[in-house]
């Protein structure tokens, strides 16, 4: 029997041997999930075709929420708010603050895009 051992020392490996991945959208399985840079998960809905048509024809959820926010600002400016309790007033104040912040971000991004 030989005095040399053929045993390998203990090795711990964190990374796999193969560090590559084929990225070919033509070979991806479509059932595996969405493929694209931006994917919107519309959640569980009974009518996914309707949701997709709304997104395609009306606009993104952000665009739709923006229109709702704009309309709420108009209503808030023209309503008599004196009978609201403190919690109701606070709720509207938070919304108005969010909408003002969104306007600021849009203005900033418009300037950034123009330069």
Protein backbone atom coordinates (compact mmCIF):
# COMPACT_ATOMS: atom_id res chain seq x y z
CA UNK A 1 0.00 0.00 0.00
CA UNK A 2 1.28 3.46 -0.93
CA UNK A 3 1.99 6.12 1.67
CA UNK A 4 0.53 8.78 -0.64
CA UNK A 5 -3.19 9.31 -0.39
CA UNK A 6 -5.31 10.08 -3.44
CA UNK A 7 -7.86 11.89 -1.27
CA UNK A 8 -8.67 15.44 -2.25
CA UNK A 9 -8.68 18.16 0.44
CA UNK A 10 -12.12 19.41 1.51
CA UNK A 11 -13.28 22.22 -0.80
CA UNK A 12 -16.22 24.50 -0.22
CA UNK A 13 -17.65 26.18 -3.30
CA UNK A 14 -20.07 29.12 -3.21
CA UNK A 15 -20.30 29.80 -6.95
CA UNK A 16 -21.33 27.28 -9.56
CA UNK A 17 -18.81 25.95 -12.07
CA UNK A 18 -20.80 27.44 -14.95
CA UNK A 19 -21.25 31.20 -14.70
CA UNK A 20 -23.18 31.82 -17.90
CA UNK A 21 -26.77 31.83 -18.97
CA UNK A 22 -28.21 31.76 -22.46
CA UNK A 23 -30.35 34.82 -23.03
CA UNK A 24 -32.30 34.13 -26.16
CA UNK A 25 -35.94 35.20 -26.00
CA UNK A 26 -36.82 32.91 -28.91
CA UNK A 27 -35.96 29.87 -26.83
CA UNK A 28 -37.67 30.93 -23.62
CA UNK A 29 -40.73 29.07 -22.52
CA UNK A 30 -43.61 31.55 -22.73
CA UNK A 31 -45.45 29.76 -19.91
CA UNK A 32 -42.59 30.54 -17.53
CA UNK A 33 -43.72 34.13 -17.01
CA UNK A 34 -43.60 37.56 -18.58
CA UNK A 35 -40.78 38.52 -20.90
CA UNK A 36 -39.80 42.17 -21.23
CA UNK A 37 -38.02 45.07 -19.61
CA UNK A 38 -41.16 46.35 -17.92
CA UNK A 39 -43.83 43.92 -16.86
CA UNK A 40 -47.03 44.95 -15.12
CA UNK A 41 -48.62 42.30 -12.98
CA UNK A 42 -52.31 43.06 -13.19
CA UNK A 43 -53.00 40.58 -10.42
CA UNK A 44 -55.74 38.04 -10.30
CA UNK A 45 -58.67 39.21 -12.34
CA UNK A 46 -61.64 37.46 -13.86
CA UNK A 47 -61.19 39.50 -17.04
CA UNK A 48 -57.49 39.78 -17.95
CA UNK A 49 -58.29 40.64 -21.59
CA UNK A 50 -60.34 43.62 -20.40
CA UNK A 51 -57.51 44.77 -18.11
CA UNK A 52 -55.00 44.49 -20.97
CA UNK A 53 -57.31 46.43 -23.33
CA UNK A 54 -57.70 49.22 -20.76
CA UNK A 55 -53.93 49.44 -20.28
CA UNK A 56 -53.36 49.47 -24.04
CA UNK A 57 -56.15 51.88 -24.99
CA UNK A 58 -56.54 54.18 -21.96
CA UNK A 59 -53.13 54.20 -20.36
CA UNK A 60 -50.97 52.77 -17.62
CA UNK A 61 -52.14 52.56 -14.03
CA UNK A 62 -49.93 55.54 -13.27
CA UNK A 63 -51.55 57.59 -16.00
CA UNK A 64 -55.04 56.61 -14.81
CA UNK A 65 -54.15 57.45 -11.19
CA UNK A 66 -52.73 60.77 -12.36
CA UNK A 67 -56.04 61.67 -13.98
CA UNK A 68 -57.92 60.67 -10.82
CA UNK A 69 -55.54 62.79 -8.73
CA UNK A 70 -55.99 65.79 -11.02
CA UNK A 71 -59.79 65.45 -10.81
CA UNK A 72 -59.67 65.14 -7.02
CA UNK A 73 -57.62 68.33 -6.78
CA UNK A 74 -60.29 70.17 -8.78
CA UNK A 75 -63.05 68.85 -6.51
CA UNK A 76 -61.12 69.65 -3.32
CA UNK A 77 -60.59 73.26 -4.48
CA UNK A 78 -64.33 73.74 -5.09
CA UNK A 79 -65.84 71.90 -2.11
CA UNK A 80 -66.75 73.40 1.23
CA UNK A 81 -64.48 71.51 3.60
CA UNK A 82 -65.38 73.30 6.85
CA UNK A 83 -67.57 70.44 8.13
CA UNK A 84 -64.80 67.83 7.90
CA UNK A 85 -63.46 66.44 11.15
CA UNK A 86 -59.72 66.50 11.90
CA UNK A 87 -59.07 62.95 10.56
CA UNK A 88 -60.90 63.71 7.31
CA UNK A 89 -59.00 66.97 6.91
CA UNK A 90 -55.71 65.15 7.57
CA UNK A 91 -56.59 62.57 4.91
CA UNK A 92 -57.10 65.30 2.31
CA UNK A 93 -53.94 67.09 3.44
CA UNK A 94 -51.90 63.92 2.89
CA UNK A 95 -53.41 63.48 -0.57
CA UNK A 96 -52.73 67.13 -1.45
CA UNK A 97 -49.13 66.72 -0.28
CA UNK A 98 -48.67 63.58 -2.38
CA UNK A 99 -50.13 65.28 -5.45
CA UNK A 100 -47.87 68.31 -4.94
CA UNK A 101 -44.85 66.04 -4.65
CA UNK A 102 -45.86 64.23 -7.86
CA UNK A 103 -46.16 67.59 -9.67
CA UNK A 104 -42.66 68.47 -8.47
CA UNK A 105 -41.20 65.20 -9.69
CA UNK A 106 -42.90 65.59 -13.08
CA UNK A 107 -41.51 69.13 -13.41
CA UNK A 108 -38.03 67.98 -12.42
CA UNK A 109 -38.09 65.08 -14.89
CA UNK A 110 -39.41 67.36 -17.67
CA UNK A 111 -36.45 69.70 -17.08
CA UNK A 112 -34.06 66.76 -17.02
CA UNK A 113 -35.47 65.42 -20.31
CA UNK A 114 -35.26 68.85 -21.96
CA UNK A 115 -31.53 69.18 -21.25
